[in-house]
Amino acid sequence: MDETFVNDEGVANSAVYAMKILQMQMEGEAEKAGFLSEEDISAWITAFRREENAEGKLI
């Protein structure tokens, strides 16, 4: 286990452990989806919200 989420007794916090595993599994997925910068993500969120609002759905 990575020392960053193991306490002095060698016990992992389950939430931190789960987040670390998720982060490892998600590594590179944003780039595969075409998100190369924070601006790309922000633009996608803005477009998604506009689409949802145009359809009359509240977020």
N, C-alpha and C. Protein backbone atom coordinates (compact mmCIF):
# COMPACT_ATOMS: atom_id res chain seq x y z
N MET A 1 0.83 -1.19 0.00
CA MET A 1 0.00 0.00 0.00
C MET A 1 0.87 1.24 0.00
N ASP A 2 0.35 2.28 -0.59
CA ASP A 2 1.02 3.57 -0.63
C ASP A 2 0.99 4.20 0.75
N GLU A 3 2.11 4.72 1.19
CA GLU A 3 2.21 5.30 2.53
C GLU A 3 1.33 6.53 2.72
N THR A 4 0.89 7.16 1.65
CA THR A 4 0.12 8.39 1.79
C THR A 4 -1.27 8.18 2.38
N PHE A 5 -1.77 6.97 2.38
CA PHE A 5 -3.09 6.75 2.98
C PHE A 5 -3.07 5.65 4.03
N VAL A 6 -1.91 5.42 4.62
CA VAL A 6 -1.78 4.46 5.70
C VAL A 6 -1.32 5.21 6.94
N ASN A 7 -2.02 5.01 8.06
CA ASN A 7 -1.65 5.72 9.28
C ASN A 7 -0.46 5.04 9.97
N ASP A 8 -0.08 5.54 11.15
CA ASP A 8 1.09 5.03 11.86
C ASP A 8 0.97 3.55 12.23
N GLU A 9 -0.26 3.06 12.39
CA GLU A 9 -0.47 1.66 12.73
C GLU A 9 -0.52 0.76 11.50
N GLY A 10 -0.41 1.34 10.31
CA GLY A 10 -0.46 0.56 9.08
C GLY A 10 -1.87 0.24 8.62
N VAL A 11 -2.84 1.00 9.12
CA VAL A 11 -4.24 0.79 8.75
C VAL A 11 -4.66 1.89 7.78
N ALA A 12 -5.26 1.49 6.68
CA ALA A 12 -5.71 2.45 5.67
C ALA A 12 -7.09 2.96 5.99
N ASN A 13 -7.29 4.25 5.77
CA ASN A 13 -8.62 4.84 5.83
C ASN A 13 -9.34 4.37 4.57
N SER A 14 -10.47 3.70 4.71
CA SER A 14 -11.13 3.09 3.55
C SER A 14 -11.56 4.11 2.51
N ALA A 15 -12.01 5.28 2.93
CA ALA A 15 -12.43 6.30 1.96
C ALA A 15 -11.23 6.83 1.17
N VAL A 16 -10.14 7.05 1.84
CA VAL A 16 -8.94 7.54 1.17
C VAL A 16 -8.40 6.46 0.24
N TYR A 17 -8.40 5.22 0.70
CA TYR A 17 -7.94 4.10 -0.12
C TYR A 17 -8.79 3.97 -1.38
N ALA A 18 -10.11 4.05 -1.23
CA ALA A 18 -11.01 3.94 -2.38
C ALA A 18 -10.77 5.08 -3.37
N MET A 19 -10.54 6.28 -2.87
CA MET A 19 -10.29 7.42 -3.75
C MET A 19 -8.98 7.24 -4.51
N LYS A 20 -7.96 6.74 -3.84
CA LYS A 20 -6.67 6.50 -4.51
C LYS A 20 -6.83 5.47 -5.62
N ILE A 21 -7.56 4.40 -5.35
CA ILE A 21 -7.80 3.37 -6.37
C ILE A 21 -8.56 3.97 -7.55
N LEU A 22 -9.60 4.75 -7.28
CA LEU A 22 -10.38 5.39 -8.34
C LEU A 22 -9.48 6.30 -9.17
N GLN A 23 -8.65 7.10 -8.50
CA GLN A 23 -7.76 8.00 -9.22
C GLN A 23 -6.80 7.24 -10.12
N MET A 24 -6.28 6.13 -9.64
CA MET A 24 -5.37 5.31 -10.47
C MET A 24 -6.11 4.75 -11.68
N GLN A 25 -7.35 4.30 -11.48
CA GLN A 25 -8.12 3.71 -12.57
C GLN A 25 -8.55 4.77 -13.60
N MET A 26 -8.74 6.00 -13.15
CA MET A 26 -9.21 7.07 -14.04
C MET A 26 -8.06 7.80 -14.74
N GLU A 27 -6.83 7.50 -14.36
CA GLU A 27 -5.69 8.19 -14.94
C GLU A 27 -5.69 8.08 -16.46
N GLY A 28 -5.62 9.21 -17.14
CA GLY A 28 -5.58 9.26 -18.60
C GLY A 28 -6.94 9.27 -19.27
N GLU A 29 -8.01 9.05 -18.54
CA GLU A 29 -9.35 8.98 -19.15
C GLU A 29 -9.82 10.34 -19.68
N ALA A 30 -9.48 11.42 -19.01
CA ALA A 30 -9.88 12.75 -19.48
C ALA A 30 -9.26 13.04 -20.85
N GLU A 31 -7.99 12.71 -20.99
CA GLU A 31 -7.32 12.92 -22.27
C GLU A 31 -7.96 12.07 -23.37
N LYS A 32 -8.31 10.84 -23.04
CA LYS A 32 -8.97 9.96 -24.03
C LYS A 32 -10.30 10.56 -24.48
N ALA A 33 -10.98 11.27 -23.58
CA ALA A 33 -12.27 11.87 -23.90
C ALA A 33 -12.11 13.24 -24.56
N GLY A 34 -10.87 13.70 -24.72
CA GLY A 34 -10.64 14.96 -25.42
C GLY A 34 -10.47 16.17 -24.51
N PHE A 35 -10.42 15.96 -23.22
CA PHE A 35 -10.21 17.06 -22.29
C PHE A 35 -8.72 17.22 -22.05
N LEU A 36 -8.14 18.29 -22.61
CA LEU A 36 -6.71 18.49 -22.50
C LEU A 36 -6.35 19.61 -21.53
N SER A 37 -7.36 20.36 -21.07
CA SER A 37 -7.10 21.46 -20.14
C SER A 37 -8.33 21.69 -19.27
N GLU A 38 -8.14 22.49 -18.23
CA GLU A 38 -9.29 22.85 -17.39
C GLU A 38 -10.30 23.66 -18.18
N GLU A 39 -9.81 24.43 -19.16
CA GLU A 39 -10.72 25.21 -20.01
C GLU A 39 -11.62 24.29 -20.84
N ASP A 40 -11.09 23.17 -21.30
CA ASP A 40 -11.90 22.19 -22.04
C ASP A 40 -13.03 21.66 -21.16
N ILE A 41 -12.72 21.36 -19.92
CA ILE A 41 -13.72 20.84 -18.99
C ILE A 41 -14.77 21.90 -18.70
N SER A 42 -14.31 23.12 -18.45
CA SER A 42 -15.24 24.22 -18.17
C SER A 42 -16.18 24.47 -19.35
N ALA A 43 -15.64 24.43 -20.56
CA ALA A 43 -16.47 24.64 -21.75
C ALA A 43 -17.50 23.52 -21.89
N TRP A 44 -17.10 22.28 -21.61
CA TRP A 44 -18.03 21.15 -21.69
C TRP A 44 -19.16 21.30 -20.67
N ILE A 45 -18.81 21.67 -19.45
CA ILE A 45 -19.82 21.86 -18.41
C ILE A 45 -20.80 22.96 -18.80
N THR A 46 -20.27 24.07 -19.31
CA THR A 46 -21.13 25.18 -19.72
C THR A 46 -22.09 24.74 -20.83
N ALA A 47 -21.57 24.02 -21.83
CA ALA A 47 -22.41 23.55 -22.93
C ALA A 47 -23.46 22.56 -22.42
N PHE A 48 -23.06 21.67 -21.52
CA PHE A 48 -24.00 20.70 -20.97
C PHE A 48 -25.13 21.40 -20.22
N ARG A 49 -24.78 22.37 -19.41
CA ARG A 49 -25.81 23.11 -18.64
C ARG A 49 -26.75 23.86 -19.57
N ARG A 50 -26.21 24.46 -20.60
CA ARG A 50 -27.07 25.17 -21.56
C ARG A 50 -28.03 24.19 -22.24
N GLU A 51 -27.52 23.03 -22.61
CA GLU A 51 -28.38 22.01 -23.24
C GLU A 51 -29.47 21.55 -22.28
N GLU A 52 -29.11 21.30 -21.04
CA GLU A 52 -30.08 20.87 -20.05
C GLU A 52 -31.14 21.96 -19.82
N ASN A 53 -30.69 23.21 -19.74
CA ASN A 53 -31.63 24.31 -19.52
C ASN A 53 -32.57 24.48 -20.73
N ALA A 54 -32.04 24.28 -21.92
CA ALA A 54 -32.86 24.40 -23.13
C ALA A 54 -33.93 23.32 -23.18
N GLU A 55 -33.64 22.18 -22.59
CA GLU A 55 -34.61 21.08 -22.54
C GLU A 55 -35.57 21.22 -21.37
N GLY A 56 -35.39 22.25 -20.57
CA GLY A 56 -36.27 22.48 -19.43
C GLY A 56 -35.96 21.67 -18.21
N LYS A 57 -34.78 21.09 -18.18
CA LYS A 57 -34.36 20.30 -17.02
C LYS A 57 -33.57 21.20 -16.09
N LEU A 58 -33.82 21.08 -14.80
CA LEU A 58 -33.06 21.84 -13.84
C LEU A 58 -31.92 20.99 -13.31
N ILE A 59 -30.80 21.63 -13.10
CA ILE A 59 -29.62 20.91 -12.60
C ILE A 59 -29.52 21.18 -11.11
